[in-house]
Amino acid sequence: AEGERWSLAHYGDVWRSTRTPGLLRNSFVLAAGTALLALLLGLPIAWVLARAAFRGRRLLTVLLAGPLLLPPFFAAMGVSTSVGHALAALGLAGGTLQLANAIVCLAGLLAPVPALLVGRALAAVPAGLVDAAVLAGGPRAARRGVVWPSVRPAVAASATLVFVVALTDFAVPDLL
């Protein structure tokens, strides 16, 4: 209201509101779901970028940055209808559909973050070291003893970055 001054009491009003716990829960579900799905989408791409040799790999790496240059709101406008129909066909409706649609849209837009960050970490793991670990203990031992310790910081960093971006994005959930 007019004439009110800045006061910490307004923060108390927010914390006492009956809507706050539900809003916080939805925000954290959105952020965690987006981070998890972005990892699931981005990690296989990271592996291909780091370990597969094919024509156009550098171009693909550059193109992956494209969705990160767009405001998520505009990108989600383009895909939200088709994603929403696909999720509704799975039986989702109401607020659950809206939340799932936001998670899928944001994860698709932010999957390049783990793809690029983890891809660079994977590329930095010497192939000879991985080959030696495979010979010494098999593929599982190589993944567990050489690859995972080398890429774990990049996985954690990319998941954290996606989590924070999704947590602070109000436009996409509002759109959907």
N, C-alpha and C. Protein backbone atom coordinates (compact mmCIF):
# COMPACT_ATOMS: atom_id res chain seq x y z
N ALA A 1 0.84 -1.18 0.00
CA ALA A 1 0.00 0.00 0.00
C ALA A 1 0.88 1.24 0.00
N GLU A 2 0.27 2.34 -0.37
CA GLU A 2 1.01 3.58 -0.45
C GLU A 2 1.42 4.03 0.95
N GLY A 3 2.62 4.50 1.07
CA GLY A 3 3.11 4.99 2.34
C GLY A 3 3.80 3.92 3.17
N GLU A 4 3.71 2.65 2.76
CA GLU A 4 4.42 1.61 3.50
C GLU A 4 5.90 1.71 3.21
N ARG A 5 6.67 1.36 4.20
CA ARG A 5 8.11 1.40 4.05
C ARG A 5 8.62 -0.03 3.95
N TRP A 6 9.85 -0.11 3.53
CA TRP A 6 10.50 -1.41 3.44
C TRP A 6 10.58 -2.00 4.83
N SER A 7 10.27 -3.30 4.93
CA SER A 7 10.28 -3.94 6.24
C SER A 7 10.52 -5.43 6.08
N LEU A 8 11.22 -6.01 7.02
CA LEU A 8 11.41 -7.46 7.04
C LEU A 8 10.12 -8.19 7.36
N ALA A 9 9.14 -7.50 7.87
CA ALA A 9 7.85 -8.11 8.20
C ALA A 9 7.19 -8.72 6.97
N HIS A 10 7.46 -8.16 5.79
CA HIS A 10 6.87 -8.71 4.56
C HIS A 10 7.40 -10.12 4.29
N TYR A 11 8.67 -10.37 4.63
CA TYR A 11 9.21 -11.71 4.47
C TYR A 11 8.51 -12.69 5.41
N GLY A 12 8.21 -12.24 6.58
CA GLY A 12 7.46 -13.07 7.52
C GLY A 12 6.10 -13.43 6.98
N ASP A 13 5.45 -12.47 6.30
CA ASP A 13 4.15 -12.74 5.69
C ASP A 13 4.26 -13.85 4.65
N VAL A 14 5.33 -13.81 3.87
CA VAL A 14 5.53 -14.84 2.85
C VAL A 14 5.71 -16.20 3.51
N TRP A 15 6.54 -16.29 4.54
CA TRP A 15 6.80 -17.57 5.19
C TRP A 15 5.58 -18.11 5.94
N ARG A 16 4.71 -17.22 6.39
CA ARG A 16 3.49 -17.67 7.09
C ARG A 16 2.37 -18.03 6.13
N SER A 17 2.50 -17.69 4.87
CA SER A 17 1.45 -17.98 3.90
C SER A 17 1.26 -19.48 3.74
N THR A 18 0.04 -19.90 3.61
CA THR A 18 -0.25 -21.33 3.43
C THR A 18 0.17 -21.82 2.05
N ARG A 19 0.37 -20.92 1.10
CA ARG A 19 0.78 -21.31 -0.26
C ARG A 19 2.28 -21.57 -0.37
N THR A 20 3.08 -20.99 0.51
CA THR A 20 4.53 -21.07 0.40
C THR A 20 5.09 -22.48 0.36
N PRO A 21 4.69 -23.39 1.26
CA PRO A 21 5.26 -24.75 1.19
C PRO A 21 5.01 -25.46 -0.14
N GLY A 22 3.82 -25.32 -0.67
CA GLY A 22 3.50 -25.95 -1.96
C GLY A 22 4.30 -25.34 -3.11
N LEU A 23 4.46 -24.04 -3.09
CA LEU A 23 5.23 -23.37 -4.13
C LEU A 23 6.70 -23.77 -4.06
N LEU A 24 7.24 -23.84 -2.86
CA LEU A 24 8.64 -24.26 -2.70
C LEU A 24 8.82 -25.71 -3.15
N ARG A 25 7.87 -26.57 -2.78
CA ARG A 25 7.95 -27.98 -3.19
C ARG A 25 7.94 -28.08 -4.71
N ASN A 26 7.01 -27.40 -5.35
CA ASN A 26 6.94 -27.44 -6.82
C ASN A 26 8.22 -26.91 -7.46
N SER A 27 8.77 -25.86 -6.88
CA SER A 27 10.00 -25.29 -7.43
C SER A 27 11.15 -26.29 -7.35
N PHE A 28 11.27 -26.97 -6.21
CA PHE A 28 12.36 -27.93 -6.05
C PHE A 28 12.13 -29.19 -6.88
N VAL A 29 10.89 -29.62 -7.03
CA VAL A 29 10.59 -30.75 -7.90
C VAL A 29 10.94 -30.39 -9.34
N LEU A 30 10.57 -29.19 -9.76
CA LEU A 30 10.89 -28.72 -11.11
C LEU A 30 12.40 -28.70 -11.33
N ALA A 31 13.14 -28.12 -10.39
CA ALA A 31 14.59 -27.99 -10.54
C ALA A 31 15.28 -29.35 -10.51
N ALA A 32 14.90 -30.20 -9.57
CA ALA A 32 15.53 -31.53 -9.48
C ALA A 32 15.17 -32.39 -10.67
N GLY A 33 13.91 -32.37 -11.08
CA GLY A 33 13.49 -33.15 -12.25
C GLY A 33 14.18 -32.68 -13.51
N THR A 34 14.32 -31.38 -13.66
CA THR A 34 15.00 -30.83 -14.83
C THR A 34 16.47 -31.24 -14.84
N ALA A 35 17.12 -31.14 -13.68
CA ALA A 35 18.54 -31.51 -13.60
C ALA A 35 18.73 -33.00 -13.92
N LEU A 36 17.88 -33.84 -13.37
CA LEU A 36 18.00 -35.28 -13.62
C LEU A 36 17.76 -35.62 -15.09
N LEU A 37 16.70 -35.07 -15.66
CA LEU A 37 16.40 -35.37 -17.07
C LEU A 37 17.46 -34.77 -18.00
N ALA A 38 17.96 -33.59 -17.68
CA ALA A 38 19.02 -32.99 -18.50
C ALA A 38 20.27 -33.86 -18.48
N LEU A 39 20.59 -34.44 -17.32
CA LEU A 39 21.72 -35.36 -17.24
C LEU A 39 21.46 -36.61 -18.08
N LEU A 40 20.26 -37.16 -17.96
CA LEU A 40 19.93 -38.37 -18.73
C LEU A 40 20.00 -38.12 -20.24
N LEU A 41 19.63 -36.92 -20.66
CA LEU A 41 19.70 -36.58 -22.08
C LEU A 41 21.11 -36.18 -22.50
N GLY A 42 21.81 -35.46 -21.63
CA GLY A 42 23.10 -34.89 -22.00
C GLY A 42 24.28 -35.84 -21.90
N LEU A 43 24.26 -36.79 -20.97
CA LEU A 43 25.42 -37.67 -20.80
C LEU A 43 25.70 -38.56 -22.01
N PRO A 44 24.69 -39.16 -22.64
CA PRO A 44 25.01 -39.92 -23.86
C PRO A 44 25.58 -39.04 -24.98
N ILE A 45 25.10 -37.82 -25.08
CA ILE A 45 25.63 -36.89 -26.08
C ILE A 45 27.08 -36.55 -25.74
N ALA A 46 27.36 -36.38 -24.45
CA ALA A 46 28.73 -36.10 -24.02
C ALA A 46 29.66 -37.24 -24.41
N TRP A 47 29.20 -38.46 -24.22
CA TRP A 47 30.02 -39.63 -24.57
C TRP A 47 30.31 -39.65 -26.08
N VAL A 48 29.29 -39.38 -26.88
CA VAL A 48 29.47 -39.36 -28.33
C VAL A 48 30.44 -38.25 -28.73
N LEU A 49 30.28 -37.07 -28.15
CA LEU A 49 31.16 -35.95 -28.50
C LEU A 49 32.60 -36.23 -28.11
N ALA A 50 32.80 -36.94 -27.00
CA ALA A 50 34.15 -37.15 -26.51
C ALA A 50 34.83 -38.37 -27.10
N ARG A 51 34.08 -39.41 -27.41
CA ARG A 51 34.70 -40.68 -27.76
C ARG A 51 34.45 -41.15 -29.19
N ALA A 52 33.50 -40.59 -29.87
CA ALA A 52 33.21 -41.02 -31.24
C ALA A 52 33.88 -40.07 -32.24
N ALA A 53 34.41 -40.65 -33.28
CA ALA A 53 35.02 -39.84 -34.34
C ALA A 53 34.08 -39.87 -35.55
N PHE A 54 33.57 -38.71 -35.91
CA PHE A 54 32.69 -38.63 -37.07
C PHE A 54 32.78 -37.22 -37.66
N ARG A 55 32.44 -37.15 -38.93
CA ARG A 55 32.46 -35.85 -39.61
C ARG A 55 31.35 -34.97 -39.03
N GLY A 56 31.71 -33.76 -38.74
CA GLY A 56 30.73 -32.81 -38.21
C GLY A 56 30.66 -32.76 -36.69
N ARG A 57 31.57 -33.42 -36.01
CA ARG A 57 31.53 -33.44 -34.54
C ARG A 57 31.71 -32.03 -33.98
N ARG A 58 32.64 -31.28 -34.53
CA ARG A 58 32.84 -29.90 -34.04
C ARG A 58 31.62 -29.03 -34.32
N LEU A 59 31.01 -29.21 -35.48
CA LEU A 59 29.80 -28.45 -35.80
C LEU A 59 28.69 -28.81 -34.82
N LEU A 60 28.53 -30.09 -34.51
CA LEU A 60 27.52 -30.51 -33.54
C LEU A 60 27.78 -29.87 -32.18
N THR A 61 29.02 -29.80 -31.78
CA THR A 61 29.37 -29.17 -30.51
C THR A 61 28.95 -27.71 -30.49
N VAL A 62 29.20 -27.01 -31.58
CA VAL A 62 28.82 -25.60 -31.67
C VAL A 62 27.29 -25.46 -31.68
N LEU A 63 26.62 -26.33 -32.43
CA LEU A 63 25.16 -26.25 -32.52
C LEU A 63 24.47 -26.56 -31.19
N LEU A 64 25.12 -27.38 -30.37
CA LEU A 64 24.54 -27.68 -29.06
C LEU A 64 24.40 -26.44 -28.19
N ALA A 65 25.25 -25.47 -28.42
CA ALA A 65 25.16 -24.24 -27.64
C ALA A 65 23.97 -23.38 -28.05
N GLY A 66 23.39 -23.65 -29.20
CA GLY A 66 22.27 -22.86 -29.71
C GLY A 66 21.11 -22.70 -28.75
N PRO A 67 20.57 -23.79 -28.20
CA PRO A 67 19.44 -23.62 -27.27
C PRO A 67 19.79 -22.79 -26.04
N LEU A 68 21.05 -22.76 -25.67
CA LEU A 68 21.45 -21.98 -24.51
C LEU A 68 21.47 -20.48 -24.79
N LEU A 69 21.46 -20.13 -26.07
CA LEU A 69 21.45 -18.71 -26.44
C LEU A 69 20.05 -18.13 -26.47
N LEU A 70 19.05 -18.99 -26.49
CA LEU A 70 17.66 -18.53 -26.53
C LEU A 70 17.11 -18.35 -25.12
N PRO A 71 16.27 -17.36 -24.92
CA PRO A 71 15.56 -17.31 -23.64
C PRO A 71 14.67 -18.55 -23.54
N PRO A 72 14.70 -19.26 -22.42
CA PRO A 72 13.90 -20.48 -22.30
C PRO A 72 12.42 -20.28 -22.60
N PHE A 73 11.91 -19.11 -22.28
CA PHE A 73 10.50 -18.82 -22.53
C PHE A 73 10.15 -18.98 -24.00
N PHE A 74 10.98 -18.41 -24.89
CA PHE A 74 10.69 -18.48 -26.32
C PHE A 74 10.83 -19.89 -26.86
N ALA A 75 11.83 -20.59 -26.41
CA ALA A 75 12.02 -21.96 -26.87
C ALA A 75 10.89 -22.85 -26.37
N ALA A 76 10.46 -22.68 -25.14
CA ALA A 76 9.38 -23.50 -24.59
C ALA A 76 8.07 -23.22 -25.31
N MET A 77 7.87 -21.99 -25.77
CA MET A 77 6.65 -21.68 -26.52
C MET A 77 6.55 -22.55 -27.76
N GLY A 78 7.70 -22.86 -28.36
CA GLY A 78 7.69 -23.63 -29.59
C GLY A 78 7.44 -25.11 -29.40
N VAL A 79 7.80 -25.66 -28.26
CA VAL A 79 7.68 -27.10 -28.08
C VAL A 79 6.64 -27.52 -27.04
N SER A 80 6.16 -26.59 -26.25
CA SER A 80 5.31 -26.97 -25.12
C SER A 80 4.01 -27.64 -25.54
N THR A 81 3.42 -27.24 -26.65
CA THR A 81 2.15 -27.84 -27.07
C THR A 81 2.34 -29.30 -27.43
N SER A 82 3.35 -29.61 -28.25
CA SER A 82 3.55 -31.00 -28.65
C SER A 82 3.98 -31.86 -27.47
N VAL A 83 4.84 -31.32 -26.60
CA VAL A 83 5.25 -32.07 -25.40
C VAL A 83 4.05 -32.28 -24.49
N GLY A 84 3.24 -31.25 -24.33
CA GLY A 84 2.05 -31.36 -23.48
C GLY A 84 1.09 -32.42 -23.99
N HIS A 85 0.89 -32.50 -25.31
CA HIS A 85 0.00 -33.53 -25.87
C HIS A 85 0.57 -34.93 -25.62
N ALA A 86 1.87 -35.08 -25.78
CA ALA A 86 2.51 -36.38 -25.55
C ALA A 86 2.37 -36.80 -24.08
N LEU A 87 2.57 -35.85 -23.17
CA LEU A 87 2.45 -36.17 -21.75
C LEU A 87 1.00 -36.43 -21.35
N ALA A 88 0.07 -35.70 -21.97
CA ALA A 88 -1.35 -35.94 -21.69
C ALA A 88 -1.76 -37.33 -22.18
N ALA A 89 -1.17 -37.77 -23.29
CA ALA A 89 -1.47 -39.11 -23.79
C ALA A 89 -0.99 -40.18 -22.82
N LEU A 90 -0.02 -39.84 -21.98
CA LEU A 90 0.46 -40.78 -20.95
C LEU A 90 -0.43 -40.77 -19.71
N GLY A 91 -1.44 -39.91 -19.71
CA GLY A 91 -2.38 -39.87 -18.60
C GLY A 91 -2.17 -38.74 -17.62
N LEU A 92 -1.23 -37.85 -17.88
CA LEU A 92 -1.01 -36.73 -16.98
C LEU A 92 -2.04 -35.64 -17.24
N ALA A 93 -2.45 -34.94 -16.18
CA ALA A 93 -3.44 -33.88 -16.32
C ALA A 93 -3.21 -32.84 -15.21
N GLY A 94 -3.79 -31.68 -15.41
CA GLY A 94 -3.78 -30.63 -14.39
C GLY A 94 -2.39 -30.13 -14.05
N GLY A 95 -2.17 -29.91 -12.76
CA GLY A 95 -0.89 -29.39 -12.28
C GLY A 95 0.26 -30.34 -12.54
N THR A 96 -0.01 -31.64 -12.49
CA THR A 96 1.04 -32.62 -12.76
C THR A 96 1.49 -32.52 -14.21
N LEU A 97 0.54 -32.35 -15.11
CA LEU A 97 0.88 -32.17 -16.52
C LEU A 97 1.69 -30.91 -16.73
N GLN A 98 1.30 -29.83 -16.08
CA GLN A 98 2.01 -28.56 -16.22
C GLN A 98 3.45 -28.69 -15.70
N LEU A 99 3.62 -29.34 -14.56
CA LEU A 99 4.95 -29.51 -13.98
C LEU A 99 5.81 -30.42 -14.86
N ALA A 100 5.24 -31.54 -15.32
CA ALA A 100 5.99 -32.46 -16.18
C ALA A 100 6.36 -31.79 -17.50
N ASN A 101 5.45 -31.01 -18.05
CA ASN A 101 5.71 -30.30 -19.31
C ASN A 101 6.87 -29.30 -19.12
N ALA A 102 6.86 -28.59 -18.00
CA ALA A 102 7.94 -27.63 -17.72
C ALA A 102 9.27 -28.36 -17.54
N ILE A 103 9.26 -29.51 -16.85
CA ILE A 103 10.49 -30.28 -16.66
C ILE A 103 11.05 -30.75 -17.99
N VAL A 104 10.19 -31.31 -18.83
CA VAL A 104 10.65 -31.82 -20.13
C VAL A 104 11.17 -30.69 -21.01
N CYS A 105 10.44 -29.58 -21.05
CA CYS A 105 10.88 -28.45 -21.89
C CYS A 105 12.21 -27.88 -21.40
N LEU A 106 12.31 -27.63 -20.10
CA LEU A 106 13.56 -27.07 -19.57
C LEU A 106 14.72 -28.05 -19.70
N ALA A 107 14.46 -29.32 -19.45
CA ALA A 107 15.55 -30.31 -19.57
C ALA A 107 16.04 -30.42 -21.01
N GLY A 108 15.12 -30.36 -21.95
CA GLY A 108 15.52 -30.40 -23.35
C GLY A 108 16.36 -29.18 -23.73
N LEU A 109 15.99 -28.04 -23.19
CA LEU A 109 16.73 -26.82 -23.48
C LEU A 109 18.09 -26.79 -22.78
N LEU A 110 18.16 -27.39 -21.59
CA LEU A 110 19.38 -27.30 -20.79
C LEU A 110 20.26 -28.55 -20.89
N ALA A 111 19.84 -29.57 -21.61
CA ALA A 111 20.66 -30.78 -21.78
C ALA A 111 22.03 -30.49 -22.40
N PRO A 112 22.18 -29.46 -23.22
CA PRO A 112 23.53 -29.15 -23.71
C PRO A 112 24.53 -28.80 -22.61
N VAL A 113 24.06 -28.36 -21.45
CA VAL A 113 24.99 -28.02 -20.37
C VAL A 113 25.78 -29.26 -19.94
N PRO A 114 25.12 -30.35 -19.54
CA PRO A 114 25.93 -31.54 -19.21
C PRO A 114 26.61 -32.14 -20.44
N ALA A 115 25.97 -32.05 -21.59
CA ALA A 115 26.61 -32.60 -22.80
C ALA A 115 27.95 -31.92 -23.06
N LEU A 116 27.99 -30.61 -22.95
CA LEU A 116 29.21 -29.88 -23.24
C LEU A 116 30.23 -29.98 -22.10
N LEU A 117 29.77 -29.80 -20.86
CA LEU A 117 30.71 -29.84 -19.74
C LEU A 117 31.29 -31.24 -19.52
N VAL A 118 30.43 -32.24 -19.50
CA VAL A 118 30.90 -33.60 -19.27
C VAL A 118 31.65 -34.10 -20.50
N GLY A 119 31.23 -33.66 -21.68
CA GLY A 119 31.95 -34.03 -22.90
C GLY A 119 33.40 -33.57 -22.86
N ARG A 120 33.62 -32.36 -22.38
CA ARG A 120 35.00 -31.86 -22.26
C ARG A 120 35.77 -32.65 -21.21
N ALA A 121 35.13 -33.00 -20.11
CA ALA A 121 35.80 -33.79 -19.08
C ALA A 121 36.14 -35.19 -19.59
N LEU A 122 35.22 -35.79 -20.33
CA LEU A 122 35.49 -37.12 -20.92
C LEU A 122 36.63 -37.05 -21.93
N ALA A 123 36.64 -36.00 -22.72
CA ALA A 123 37.70 -35.86 -23.73
C ALA A 123 39.07 -35.71 -23.07
N ALA A 124 39.09 -35.19 -21.85
CA ALA A 124 40.36 -34.99 -21.15
C ALA A 124 40.90 -36.27 -20.50
N VAL A 125 40.06 -37.31 -20.41
CA VAL A 125 40.52 -38.59 -19.82
C VAL A 125 41.36 -39.29 -20.88
N PRO A 126 42.63 -39.57 -20.59
CA PRO A 126 43.48 -40.22 -21.60
C PRO A 126 42.94 -41.60 -21.99
N ALA A 127 42.78 -41.81 -23.28
CA ALA A 127 42.27 -43.09 -23.77
C ALA A 127 43.16 -44.24 -23.36
N GLY A 128 44.47 -44.01 -23.31
CA GLY A 128 45.40 -45.05 -22.90
C GLY A 128 45.16 -45.51 -21.47
N LEU A 129 44.80 -44.56 -20.61
CA LEU A 129 44.52 -44.90 -19.21
C LEU A 129 43.25 -45.75 -19.12
N VAL A 130 42.25 -45.38 -19.90
CA VAL A 130 41.01 -46.16 -19.93
C VAL A 130 41.29 -47.55 -20.47
N ASP A 131 42.06 -47.65 -21.56
CA ASP A 131 42.39 -48.95 -22.16
C ASP A 131 43.15 -49.83 -21.17
N ALA A 132 44.07 -49.25 -20.44
CA ALA A 132 44.83 -50.01 -19.44
C ALA A 132 43.91 -50.52 -18.34
N ALA A 133 42.97 -49.69 -17.91
CA ALA A 133 42.03 -50.12 -16.87
C ALA A 133 41.11 -51.21 -17.38
N VAL A 134 40.72 -51.14 -18.65
CA VAL A 134 39.89 -52.19 -19.24
C VAL A 134 40.66 -53.51 -19.25
N LEU A 135 41.92 -53.46 -19.65
CA LEU A 135 42.74 -54.67 -19.68
C LEU A 135 42.97 -55.23 -18.28
N ALA A 136 43.15 -54.37 -17.32
CA ALA A 136 43.45 -54.81 -15.96
C ALA A 136 42.21 -55.34 -15.22
N GLY A 137 41.06 -54.71 -15.44
CA GLY A 137 39.89 -55.11 -14.65
C GLY A 137 38.59 -55.17 -15.41
N GLY A 138 38.60 -54.90 -16.70
CA GLY A 138 37.37 -54.93 -17.47
C GLY A 138 36.74 -53.56 -17.62
N PRO A 139 35.72 -53.47 -18.48
CA PRO A 139 35.07 -52.18 -18.74
C PRO A 139 34.44 -51.55 -17.50
N ARG A 140 33.86 -52.37 -16.66
CA ARG A 140 33.22 -51.83 -15.46
C ARG A 140 34.27 -51.20 -14.53
N ALA A 141 35.38 -51.86 -14.37
CA ALA A 141 36.46 -51.32 -13.54
C ALA A 141 37.01 -50.03 -14.13
N ALA A 142 37.08 -49.96 -15.44
CA ALA A 142 37.56 -48.73 -16.09
C ALA A 142 36.60 -47.59 -15.84
N ARG A 143 35.30 -47.86 -15.97
CA ARG A 143 34.31 -46.80 -15.72
C ARG A 143 34.34 -46.35 -14.27
N ARG A 144 34.43 -47.32 -13.37
CA ARG A 144 34.38 -47.02 -11.94
C ARG A 144 35.69 -46.40 -11.43
N GLY A 145 36.82 -46.87 -11.91
CA GLY A 145 38.09 -46.44 -11.37
C GLY A 145 38.77 -45.31 -12.10
N VAL A 146 38.44 -45.12 -13.37
CA VAL A 146 39.12 -44.09 -14.16
C VAL A 146 38.14 -43.02 -14.66
N VAL A 147 37.11 -43.45 -15.37
CA VAL A 147 36.22 -42.49 -16.03
C VAL A 147 35.39 -41.71 -15.00
N TRP A 148 34.69 -42.42 -14.11
CA TRP A 148 33.80 -41.74 -13.18
C TRP A 148 34.53 -40.73 -12.29
N PRO A 149 35.66 -41.09 -11.68
CA PRO A 149 36.36 -40.08 -10.87
C PRO A 149 36.80 -38.86 -11.69
N SER A 150 37.06 -39.06 -12.95
CA SER A 150 37.51 -37.94 -13.80
C SER A 150 36.37 -37.01 -14.19
N VAL A 151 35.17 -37.55 -14.37
CA VAL A 151 34.06 -36.73 -14.85
C VAL A 151 33.09 -36.32 -13.74
N ARG A 152 33.23 -36.90 -12.57
CA ARG A 152 32.29 -36.61 -11.47
C ARG A 152 32.17 -35.11 -11.18
N PRO A 153 33.27 -34.34 -11.13
CA PRO A 153 33.11 -32.89 -10.90
C PRO A 153 32.30 -32.20 -12.01
N ALA A 154 32.49 -32.61 -13.25
CA ALA A 154 31.74 -32.00 -14.35
C ALA A 154 30.26 -32.38 -14.28
N VAL A 155 29.98 -33.62 -13.89
CA VAL A 155 28.58 -34.05 -13.73
C VAL A 155 27.93 -33.24 -12.62
N ALA A 156 28.61 -33.11 -11.49
CA ALA A 156 28.06 -32.34 -10.36
C ALA A 156 27.87 -30.87 -10.74
N ALA A 157 28.85 -30.30 -11.41
CA ALA A 157 28.75 -28.88 -11.80
C ALA A 157 27.61 -28.66 -12.78
N SER A 158 27.48 -29.53 -13.76
CA SER A 158 26.42 -29.34 -14.75
C SER A 158 25.05 -29.57 -14.12
N ALA A 159 24.92 -30.55 -13.22
CA ALA A 159 23.64 -30.77 -12.54
C ALA A 159 23.28 -29.57 -11.67
N THR A 160 24.27 -29.01 -10.99
CA THR A 160 24.03 -27.84 -10.15
C THR A 160 23.63 -26.63 -10.99
N LEU A 161 24.31 -26.43 -12.09
CA LEU A 161 23.99 -25.30 -12.96
C LEU A 161 22.58 -25.42 -13.51
N VAL A 162 22.21 -26.61 -14.00
CA VAL A 162 20.86 -26.82 -14.53
C VAL A 162 19.83 -26.64 -13.41
N PHE A 163 20.12 -27.17 -12.23
CA PHE A 163 19.20 -27.04 -11.09
C PHE A 163 18.93 -25.57 -10.79
N VAL A 164 19.99 -24.77 -10.71
CA VAL A 164 19.84 -23.35 -10.36
C VAL A 164 19.08 -22.59 -11.45
N VAL A 165 19.42 -22.86 -12.71
CA VAL A 165 18.71 -22.18 -13.80
C VAL A 165 17.23 -22.54 -13.78
N ALA A 166 16.92 -23.83 -13.60
CA ALA A 166 15.52 -24.25 -13.57
C ALA A 166 14.79 -23.68 -12.35
N LEU A 167 15.48 -23.62 -11.22
CA LEU A 167 14.88 -23.10 -10.00
C LEU A 167 14.52 -21.62 -10.13
N THR A 168 15.31 -20.89 -10.87
CA THR A 168 15.09 -19.45 -11.00
C THR A 168 14.27 -19.06 -12.22
N ASP A 169 13.87 -20.04 -13.03
CA ASP A 169 13.09 -19.73 -14.23
C ASP A 169 11.61 -19.77 -13.90
N PHE A 170 11.00 -18.62 -13.88
CA PHE A 170 9.58 -18.54 -13.58
C PHE A 170 8.74 -18.46 -14.85
N ALA A 171 9.35 -18.09 -15.95
CA ALA A 171 8.58 -17.86 -17.18
C ALA A 171 8.06 -19.15 -17.78
N VAL A 172 8.89 -20.20 -17.85
CA VAL A 172 8.46 -21.45 -18.49
C VAL A 172 7.30 -22.09 -17.72
N PRO A 173 7.41 -22.31 -16.40
CA PRO A 173 6.25 -22.88 -15.69
C PRO A 173 5.01 -22.00 -15.78
N ASP A 174 5.20 -20.68 -15.80
CA ASP A 174 4.08 -19.78 -15.91
C ASP A 174 3.40 -19.90 -17.28
N LEU A 175 4.21 -20.11 -18.33
CA LEU A 175 3.69 -20.26 -19.68
C LEU A 175 2.85 -21.53 -19.80
N LEU A 176 3.31 -22.58 -19.17
CA LEU A 176 2.67 -23.87 -19.33
C LEU A 176 1.56 -24.05 -18.32
